[in-house]
Amino acid sequence: MFHRRLILIAAAAAMVAGCATRSAPVPVADTIAATPSLSTLNGLIAKSGLTSTLNGTGPFTVFAPTNEAFKAVPAKTMDALAKDPAMLRNVLTYHVLAGKVMSGDVKNGSVKTVNGASVALAKAGEFVTVEESMVQTANIVASNGVIHTVDRVMIPPVKK
């Protein structure tokens, strides 16, 4: 009797566990918003008005600076970005590629960002860099693209 009851309990537990839904990927901006180490970036995306764009159709590849990366940016630069939404948008879109590029698909060379400037991508073994930034966590999949966290904030070249 005890053995049969144990089997029934185990079966019931297995059925309940099978009912648990796996969370489906959400769009890029929502994925960033749900990632604690990207809270600074999330706030800047919201401030720049890019949330709806990054939750749009895509696909996008975002090289997302971590909170630690933003701490390394001089306060004067952060203040200037806070006061100039167009400049903030320009800096943020410099971290975004149109299309989905997984770390395994990175080819050494230059690629155009959403802001129109180009960045240098490089791969050596498992290490991926974009400009001078090192990818720390690669391939965070979103429903409309992919996010790679990076250790630096990239400032785009001045447009002439």
N, C-alpha and C. Protein backbone atom coordinates (compact mmCIF):
# COMPACT_ATOMS: atom_id res chain seq x y z
N MET A 1 0.82 -1.19 0.00
CA MET A 1 0.00 0.00 0.00
C MET A 1 0.87 1.26 0.00
N PHE A 2 1.86 1.29 0.88
CA PHE A 2 2.75 2.45 0.95
C PHE A 2 3.46 2.65 -0.39
N HIS A 3 3.91 1.55 -1.00
CA HIS A 3 4.63 1.60 -2.27
C HIS A 3 3.74 2.19 -3.37
N ARG A 4 2.47 1.76 -3.42
CA ARG A 4 1.54 2.26 -4.43
C ARG A 4 1.30 3.76 -4.24
N ARG A 5 1.15 4.19 -2.99
CA ARG A 5 0.92 5.60 -2.69
C ARG A 5 2.13 6.44 -3.13
N LEU A 6 3.31 5.94 -2.90
CA LEU A 6 4.54 6.63 -3.30
C LEU A 6 4.59 6.79 -4.82
N ILE A 7 4.19 5.74 -5.54
CA ILE A 7 4.18 5.81 -7.00
C ILE A 7 3.16 6.85 -7.47
N LEU A 8 1.99 6.89 -6.85
CA LEU A 8 0.96 7.86 -7.23
C LEU A 8 1.44 9.30 -6.96
N ILE A 9 2.09 9.49 -5.83
CA ILE A 9 2.62 10.83 -5.51
C ILE A 9 3.69 11.24 -6.53
N ALA A 10 4.57 10.32 -6.86
CA ALA A 10 5.62 10.61 -7.85
C ALA A 10 5.00 10.92 -9.21
N ALA A 11 3.97 10.18 -9.60
CA ALA A 11 3.30 10.43 -10.88
C ALA A 11 2.62 11.79 -10.89
N ALA A 12 1.96 12.11 -9.79
CA ALA A 12 1.29 13.41 -9.69
C ALA A 12 2.31 14.55 -9.75
N ALA A 13 3.42 14.39 -9.08
CA ALA A 13 4.47 15.41 -9.10
C ALA A 13 5.02 15.57 -10.51
N ALA A 14 5.20 14.47 -11.22
CA ALA A 14 5.71 14.54 -12.59
C ALA A 14 4.72 15.26 -13.51
N MET A 15 3.43 15.02 -13.30
CA MET A 15 2.42 15.69 -14.13
C MET A 15 2.41 17.19 -13.86
N VAL A 16 2.49 17.57 -12.61
CA VAL A 16 2.52 18.99 -12.26
C VAL A 16 3.75 19.65 -12.85
N ALA A 17 4.90 18.99 -12.73
CA ALA A 17 6.14 19.55 -13.28
C ALA A 17 6.03 19.67 -14.79
N GLY A 18 5.37 18.74 -15.45
CA GLY A 18 5.19 18.80 -16.89
C GLY A 18 4.30 19.93 -17.33
N CYS A 19 3.44 20.40 -16.44
CA CYS A 19 2.53 21.50 -16.77
C CYS A 19 3.21 22.86 -16.69
N ALA A 20 4.35 22.91 -16.04
CA ALA A 20 5.06 24.19 -15.90
C ALA A 20 5.43 24.68 -17.29
N THR A 21 5.12 25.93 -17.57
CA THR A 21 5.42 26.47 -18.88
C THR A 21 6.81 27.07 -18.88
N ARG A 22 7.49 26.82 -19.94
CA ARG A 22 8.81 27.45 -20.11
C ARG A 22 8.56 28.84 -20.65
N SER A 23 9.32 29.80 -20.14
CA SER A 23 9.10 31.15 -20.61
C SER A 23 9.66 31.29 -22.02
N ALA A 24 8.83 31.80 -22.89
CA ALA A 24 9.23 32.02 -24.27
C ALA A 24 10.08 33.29 -24.32
N PRO A 25 10.96 33.38 -25.30
CA PRO A 25 11.75 34.61 -25.41
C PRO A 25 10.83 35.82 -25.60
N VAL A 26 11.24 36.93 -25.04
CA VAL A 26 10.51 38.19 -25.20
C VAL A 26 11.38 39.12 -26.05
N PRO A 27 10.83 40.24 -26.53
CA PRO A 27 11.60 41.14 -27.38
C PRO A 27 12.85 41.70 -26.68
N VAL A 28 13.75 42.23 -27.49
CA VAL A 28 15.04 42.73 -27.02
C VAL A 28 14.91 43.70 -25.85
N ALA A 29 14.10 44.75 -26.00
CA ALA A 29 14.00 45.76 -24.93
C ALA A 29 13.46 45.15 -23.65
N ASP A 30 12.49 44.25 -23.76
CA ASP A 30 11.94 43.60 -22.56
C ASP A 30 12.96 42.67 -21.92
N THR A 31 13.78 42.01 -22.74
CA THR A 31 14.84 41.14 -22.22
C THR A 31 15.86 41.97 -21.46
N ILE A 32 16.24 43.12 -22.03
CA ILE A 32 17.18 44.02 -21.35
C ILE A 32 16.57 44.49 -20.03
N ALA A 33 15.29 44.87 -20.05
CA ALA A 33 14.61 45.36 -18.85
C ALA A 33 14.58 44.30 -17.75
N ALA A 34 14.55 43.04 -18.13
CA ALA A 34 14.47 41.95 -17.14
C ALA A 34 15.85 41.49 -16.66
N THR A 35 16.91 42.12 -17.15
CA THR A 35 18.27 41.71 -16.79
C THR A 35 18.87 42.74 -15.83
N PRO A 36 19.03 42.39 -14.54
CA PRO A 36 19.51 43.36 -13.56
C PRO A 36 20.84 44.03 -13.92
N SER A 37 21.76 43.32 -14.54
CA SER A 37 23.07 43.92 -14.86
C SER A 37 22.99 44.91 -16.02
N LEU A 38 21.80 45.06 -16.61
CA LEU A 38 21.60 46.00 -17.72
C LEU A 38 20.61 47.11 -17.35
N SER A 39 20.43 47.36 -16.06
CA SER A 39 19.42 48.35 -15.64
C SER A 39 19.76 49.76 -16.09
N THR A 40 21.03 50.12 -16.12
CA THR A 40 21.40 51.47 -16.60
C THR A 40 21.04 51.60 -18.07
N LEU A 41 21.40 50.61 -18.86
CA LEU A 41 21.07 50.62 -20.29
C LEU A 41 19.56 50.68 -20.47
N ASN A 42 18.82 49.90 -19.70
CA ASN A 42 17.37 49.91 -19.80
C ASN A 42 16.80 51.32 -19.57
N GLY A 43 17.30 52.00 -18.56
CA GLY A 43 16.83 53.36 -18.28
C GLY A 43 17.14 54.31 -19.42
N LEU A 44 18.32 54.15 -20.02
CA LEU A 44 18.70 55.03 -21.13
C LEU A 44 17.89 54.72 -22.39
N ILE A 45 17.58 53.45 -22.61
CA ILE A 45 16.73 53.08 -23.75
C ILE A 45 15.37 53.74 -23.59
N ALA A 46 14.81 53.66 -22.39
CA ALA A 46 13.51 54.28 -22.13
C ALA A 46 13.58 55.79 -22.34
N LYS A 47 14.62 56.41 -21.80
CA LYS A 47 14.78 57.87 -21.90
C LYS A 47 14.93 58.33 -23.35
N SER A 48 15.58 57.50 -24.18
CA SER A 48 15.82 57.87 -25.57
C SER A 48 14.62 57.59 -26.48
N GLY A 49 13.62 56.87 -25.95
CA GLY A 49 12.46 56.53 -26.76
C GLY A 49 12.68 55.33 -27.68
N LEU A 50 13.68 54.51 -27.39
CA LEU A 50 13.98 53.36 -28.25
C LEU A 50 13.28 52.06 -27.83
N THR A 51 12.55 52.09 -26.73
CA THR A 51 11.92 50.85 -26.25
C THR A 51 11.02 50.23 -27.30
N SER A 52 10.13 51.00 -27.90
CA SER A 52 9.20 50.42 -28.88
C SER A 52 9.95 49.93 -30.12
N THR A 53 11.00 50.64 -30.52
CA THR A 53 11.80 50.20 -31.66
C THR A 53 12.44 48.84 -31.37
N LEU A 54 13.07 48.73 -30.20
CA LEU A 54 13.77 47.49 -29.86
C LEU A 54 12.81 46.35 -29.49
N ASN A 55 11.55 46.67 -29.30
CA ASN A 55 10.54 45.63 -29.12
C ASN A 55 9.80 45.36 -30.42
N GLY A 56 10.24 46.04 -31.50
CA GLY A 56 9.60 45.90 -32.80
C GLY A 56 10.02 44.63 -33.52
N THR A 57 9.77 44.63 -34.82
CA THR A 57 9.96 43.45 -35.65
C THR A 57 11.39 42.92 -35.63
N GLY A 58 12.37 43.79 -35.78
CA GLY A 58 13.75 43.32 -35.82
C GLY A 58 14.02 42.55 -37.09
N PRO A 59 14.98 41.66 -37.07
CA PRO A 59 15.77 41.27 -35.90
C PRO A 59 16.88 42.27 -35.60
N PHE A 60 17.30 42.27 -34.34
CA PHE A 60 18.36 43.15 -33.88
C PHE A 60 19.45 42.34 -33.18
N THR A 61 20.66 42.85 -33.26
CA THR A 61 21.75 42.37 -32.42
C THR A 61 22.17 43.56 -31.58
N VAL A 62 22.12 43.41 -30.25
CA VAL A 62 22.47 44.51 -29.36
C VAL A 62 23.73 44.13 -28.58
N PHE A 63 24.73 44.99 -28.66
CA PHE A 63 25.91 44.88 -27.83
C PHE A 63 25.63 45.76 -26.62
N ALA A 64 25.19 45.13 -25.55
CA ALA A 64 24.62 45.83 -24.40
C ALA A 64 25.65 46.09 -23.31
N PRO A 65 26.04 47.36 -23.10
CA PRO A 65 26.97 47.67 -22.01
C PRO A 65 26.33 47.38 -20.66
N THR A 66 27.09 46.75 -19.79
CA THR A 66 26.60 46.44 -18.44
C THR A 66 26.62 47.69 -17.57
N ASN A 67 26.02 47.57 -16.40
CA ASN A 67 26.06 48.68 -15.43
C ASN A 67 27.51 49.05 -15.12
N GLU A 68 28.38 48.06 -14.99
CA GLU A 68 29.80 48.32 -14.72
C GLU A 68 30.43 49.12 -15.86
N ALA A 69 30.05 48.82 -17.09
CA ALA A 69 30.58 49.56 -18.25
C ALA A 69 30.17 51.03 -18.17
N PHE A 70 28.93 51.29 -17.77
CA PHE A 70 28.47 52.68 -17.67
C PHE A 70 29.17 53.42 -16.54
N LYS A 71 29.54 52.71 -15.48
CA LYS A 71 30.27 53.36 -14.37
C LYS A 71 31.62 53.90 -14.82
N ALA A 72 32.19 53.32 -15.88
CA ALA A 72 33.50 53.75 -16.38
C ALA A 72 33.41 54.98 -17.28
N VAL A 73 32.19 55.35 -17.69
CA VAL A 73 32.00 56.53 -18.55
C VAL A 73 32.13 57.77 -17.66
N PRO A 74 32.92 58.76 -18.10
CA PRO A 74 33.05 59.98 -17.31
C PRO A 74 31.69 60.63 -17.03
N ALA A 75 31.53 61.15 -15.82
CA ALA A 75 30.27 61.78 -15.41
C ALA A 75 29.87 62.90 -16.37
N LYS A 76 30.84 63.65 -16.86
CA LYS A 76 30.58 64.74 -17.79
C LYS A 76 29.90 64.21 -19.07
N THR A 77 30.37 63.08 -19.55
CA THR A 77 29.79 62.48 -20.75
C THR A 77 28.37 62.00 -20.48
N MET A 78 28.16 61.35 -19.33
CA MET A 78 26.82 60.87 -18.97
C MET A 78 25.85 62.04 -18.82
N ASP A 79 26.32 63.15 -18.23
CA ASP A 79 25.48 64.34 -18.09
C ASP A 79 25.10 64.89 -19.46
N ALA A 80 26.06 64.93 -20.37
CA ALA A 80 25.79 65.44 -21.72
C ALA A 80 24.77 64.56 -22.43
N LEU A 81 24.89 63.25 -22.27
CA LEU A 81 23.93 62.32 -22.88
C LEU A 81 22.53 62.51 -22.29
N ALA A 82 22.48 62.73 -20.98
CA ALA A 82 21.19 62.91 -20.31
C ALA A 82 20.47 64.17 -20.80
N LYS A 83 21.24 65.18 -21.19
CA LYS A 83 20.66 66.45 -21.62
C LYS A 83 20.37 66.50 -23.11
N ASP A 84 20.86 65.54 -23.88
CA ASP A 84 20.72 65.59 -25.33
C ASP A 84 20.16 64.25 -25.85
N PRO A 85 18.82 64.14 -25.96
CA PRO A 85 18.21 62.88 -26.40
C PRO A 85 18.72 62.38 -27.76
N ALA A 86 19.00 63.30 -28.68
CA ALA A 86 19.49 62.89 -30.00
C ALA A 86 20.87 62.26 -29.89
N MET A 87 21.74 62.84 -29.07
CA MET A 87 23.08 62.28 -28.87
C MET A 87 22.98 60.92 -28.16
N LEU A 88 22.08 60.83 -27.18
CA LEU A 88 21.89 59.57 -26.46
C LEU A 88 21.42 58.49 -27.43
N ARG A 89 20.46 58.82 -28.26
CA ARG A 89 19.95 57.87 -29.25
C ARG A 89 21.06 57.43 -30.21
N ASN A 90 21.90 58.38 -30.61
CA ASN A 90 23.02 58.10 -31.51
C ASN A 90 23.99 57.10 -30.86
N VAL A 91 24.31 57.32 -29.59
CA VAL A 91 25.22 56.42 -28.87
C VAL A 91 24.59 55.04 -28.72
N LEU A 92 23.33 54.99 -28.35
CA LEU A 92 22.68 53.69 -28.15
C LEU A 92 22.54 52.91 -29.45
N THR A 93 22.17 53.57 -30.53
CA THR A 93 22.01 52.85 -31.80
C THR A 93 23.35 52.43 -32.40
N TYR A 94 24.44 52.99 -31.89
CA TYR A 94 25.79 52.56 -32.28
C TYR A 94 26.08 51.17 -31.72
N HIS A 95 25.31 50.73 -30.76
CA HIS A 95 25.46 49.41 -30.14
C HIS A 95 24.52 48.37 -30.75
N VAL A 96 23.80 48.75 -31.82
CA VAL A 96 22.77 47.88 -32.40
C VAL A 96 23.05 47.61 -33.87
N LEU A 97 22.94 46.33 -34.25
CA LEU A 97 23.04 45.93 -35.65
C LEU A 97 21.66 45.50 -36.12
N ALA A 98 21.35 45.78 -37.38
CA ALA A 98 20.13 45.24 -37.98
C ALA A 98 20.46 43.81 -38.37
N GLY A 99 19.67 42.87 -37.90
CA GLY A 99 19.93 41.46 -38.15
C GLY A 99 20.35 40.76 -36.88
N LYS A 100 20.27 39.45 -36.90
CA LYS A 100 20.60 38.63 -35.73
C LYS A 100 21.95 37.97 -35.97
N VAL A 101 22.94 38.34 -35.15
CA VAL A 101 24.29 37.79 -35.27
C VAL A 101 24.65 37.09 -33.97
N MET A 102 24.62 35.76 -34.02
CA MET A 102 25.03 34.97 -32.86
C MET A 102 26.56 35.01 -32.78
N SER A 103 27.11 34.80 -31.60
CA SER A 103 28.57 34.90 -31.45
C SER A 103 29.30 33.93 -32.37
N GLY A 104 28.74 32.76 -32.59
CA GLY A 104 29.37 31.78 -33.47
C GLY A 104 29.39 32.20 -34.93
N ASP A 105 28.55 33.18 -35.29
CA ASP A 105 28.46 33.65 -36.67
C ASP A 105 29.33 34.88 -36.94
N VAL A 106 30.00 35.39 -35.91
CA VAL A 106 30.80 36.61 -36.07
C VAL A 106 31.98 36.33 -37.00
N LYS A 107 32.13 37.22 -37.97
CA LYS A 107 33.28 37.18 -38.89
C LYS A 107 34.11 38.42 -38.61
N ASN A 108 35.42 38.28 -38.68
CA ASN A 108 36.28 39.43 -38.48
C ASN A 108 36.04 40.43 -39.60
N GLY A 109 35.77 41.68 -39.22
CA GLY A 109 35.54 42.71 -40.21
C GLY A 109 34.66 43.81 -39.67
N SER A 110 34.26 44.67 -40.57
CA SER A 110 33.48 45.85 -40.21
C SER A 110 32.02 45.63 -40.58
N VAL A 111 31.12 46.05 -39.68
CA VAL A 111 29.68 45.96 -39.94
C VAL A 111 29.03 47.30 -39.61
N LYS A 112 27.96 47.59 -40.32
CA LYS A 112 27.25 48.86 -40.13
C LYS A 112 26.26 48.73 -38.98
N THR A 113 26.23 49.75 -38.13
CA THR A 113 25.29 49.79 -37.01
C THR A 113 24.02 50.50 -37.45
N VAL A 114 23.00 50.44 -36.60
CA VAL A 114 21.73 51.10 -36.89
C VAL A 114 21.91 52.61 -37.02
N ASN A 115 22.90 53.19 -36.34
CA ASN A 115 23.09 54.64 -36.45
C ASN A 115 23.84 55.04 -37.72
N GLY A 116 24.26 54.08 -38.53
CA GLY A 116 24.91 54.37 -39.81
C GLY A 116 26.42 54.27 -39.79
N ALA A 117 27.04 54.29 -38.62
CA ALA A 117 28.49 54.15 -38.52
C ALA A 117 28.84 52.66 -38.50
N SER A 118 30.09 52.35 -38.74
CA SER A 118 30.54 50.96 -38.73
C SER A 118 31.33 50.66 -37.47
N VAL A 119 31.27 49.41 -37.05
CA VAL A 119 32.07 48.93 -35.93
C VAL A 119 32.87 47.72 -36.40
N ALA A 120 34.01 47.51 -35.75
CA ALA A 120 34.86 46.36 -36.06
C ALA A 120 34.47 45.21 -35.15
N LEU A 121 34.12 44.08 -35.77
CA LEU A 121 33.86 42.86 -35.02
C LEU A 121 35.04 41.92 -35.20
N ALA A 122 35.39 41.22 -34.15
CA ALA A 122 36.48 40.25 -34.24
C ALA A 122 36.18 39.06 -33.36
N LYS A 123 36.66 37.91 -33.81
CA LYS A 123 36.47 36.69 -33.05
C LYS A 123 37.79 35.93 -33.04
N ALA A 124 38.18 35.49 -31.84
CA ALA A 124 39.37 34.66 -31.69
C ALA A 124 38.98 33.52 -30.75
N GLY A 125 38.79 32.35 -31.30
CA GLY A 125 38.30 31.23 -30.49
C GLY A 125 36.90 31.53 -30.02
N GLU A 126 36.70 31.51 -28.72
CA GLU A 126 35.38 31.82 -28.14
C GLU A 126 35.23 33.30 -27.80
N PHE A 127 36.30 34.08 -27.93
CA PHE A 127 36.28 35.50 -27.57
C PHE A 127 35.79 36.35 -28.73
N VAL A 128 34.83 37.24 -28.42
CA VAL A 128 34.29 38.15 -29.43
C VAL A 128 34.47 39.57 -28.93
N THR A 129 34.93 40.45 -29.82
CA THR A 129 35.03 41.87 -29.48
C THR A 129 34.27 42.68 -30.52
N VAL A 130 33.81 43.82 -30.07
CA VAL A 130 33.21 44.82 -30.94
C VAL A 130 33.92 46.12 -30.58
N GLU A 131 34.64 46.67 -31.57
CA GLU A 131 35.55 47.79 -31.29
C GLU A 131 36.49 47.36 -30.17
N GLU A 132 36.55 48.13 -29.08
CA GLU A 132 37.42 47.79 -27.95
C GLU A 132 36.68 47.04 -26.84
N SER A 133 35.42 46.74 -27.07
CA SER A 133 34.58 46.08 -26.06
C SER A 133 34.66 44.57 -26.19
N MET A 134 34.77 43.91 -25.05
CA MET A 134 34.78 42.45 -25.01
C MET A 134 33.38 41.95 -24.67
N VAL A 135 32.90 40.99 -25.44
CA VAL A 135 31.62 40.37 -25.12
C VAL A 135 31.81 39.53 -23.86
N GLN A 136 30.98 39.80 -22.85
CA GLN A 136 31.06 39.07 -21.59
C GLN A 136 30.09 37.90 -21.57
N THR A 137 28.84 38.15 -21.91
CA THR A 137 27.83 37.11 -22.00
C THR A 137 27.25 37.17 -23.40
N ALA A 138 27.41 36.09 -24.15
CA ALA A 138 26.96 36.06 -25.54
C ALA A 138 25.62 35.34 -25.66
N ASN A 139 24.94 35.64 -26.75
CA ASN A 139 23.78 34.88 -27.20
C ASN A 139 22.61 34.84 -26.22
N ILE A 140 22.24 35.99 -25.67
CA ILE A 140 21.02 36.08 -24.87
C ILE A 140 19.90 36.25 -25.90
N VAL A 141 19.16 35.19 -26.12
CA VAL A 141 18.18 35.16 -27.21
C VAL A 141 16.90 35.89 -26.81
N ALA A 142 16.44 36.75 -27.71
CA ALA A 142 15.17 37.45 -27.57
C ALA A 142 14.29 37.02 -28.75
N SER A 143 13.02 37.31 -28.68
CA SER A 143 12.12 36.89 -29.75
C SER A 143 12.41 37.62 -31.06
N ASN A 144 13.02 38.78 -30.98
CA ASN A 144 13.31 39.56 -32.18
C ASN A 144 14.80 39.86 -32.34
N GLY A 145 15.65 38.99 -31.81
CA GLY A 145 17.08 39.19 -31.98
C GLY A 145 17.91 38.54 -30.90
N VAL A 146 19.06 39.13 -30.67
CA VAL A 146 20.01 38.57 -29.70
C VAL A 146 20.75 39.71 -29.01
N ILE A 147 21.13 39.47 -27.77
CA ILE A 147 21.86 40.46 -26.97
C ILE A 147 23.18 39.83 -26.54
N HIS A 148 24.24 40.63 -26.62
CA HIS A 148 25.54 40.23 -26.12
C HIS A 148 25.96 41.32 -25.14
N THR A 149 26.20 40.99 -23.87
CA THR A 149 26.65 42.03 -22.95
C THR A 149 28.12 42.32 -23.22
N VAL A 150 28.49 43.60 -23.08
CA VAL A 150 29.87 44.04 -23.32
C VAL A 150 30.37 44.85 -22.14
N ASP A 151 31.69 44.94 -22.04
CA ASP A 151 32.32 45.58 -20.88
C ASP A 151 32.63 47.05 -21.06
N ARG A 152 32.25 47.64 -22.19
CA ARG A 152 32.52 49.06 -22.43
C ARG A 152 31.36 49.71 -23.18
N VAL A 153 31.22 51.01 -22.94
CA VAL A 153 30.26 51.81 -23.71
C VAL A 153 31.03 52.36 -24.90
N MET A 154 30.51 52.14 -26.09
CA MET A 154 31.18 52.62 -27.30
C MET A 154 30.60 53.98 -27.68
N ILE A 155 31.48 54.91 -27.98
CA ILE A 155 31.05 56.24 -28.41
C ILE A 155 31.28 56.32 -29.91
N PRO A 156 30.24 56.63 -30.68
CA PRO A 156 30.39 56.65 -32.13
C PRO A 156 31.29 57.79 -32.59
N PRO A 157 31.90 57.61 -33.77
CA PRO A 157 32.72 58.70 -34.32
C PRO A 157 31.83 59.90 -34.61
N VAL A 158 32.40 61.07 -34.56
CA VAL A 158 31.66 62.29 -34.85
C VAL A 158 31.35 62.34 -36.33
N LYS A 159 30.07 62.57 -36.65
CA LYS A 159 29.67 62.65 -38.06
C LYS A 159 30.11 63.99 -38.62
N LYS A 160 30.66 63.95 -39.81
CA LYS A 160 31.15 65.19 -40.42
C LYS A 160 30.23 65.65 -41.50
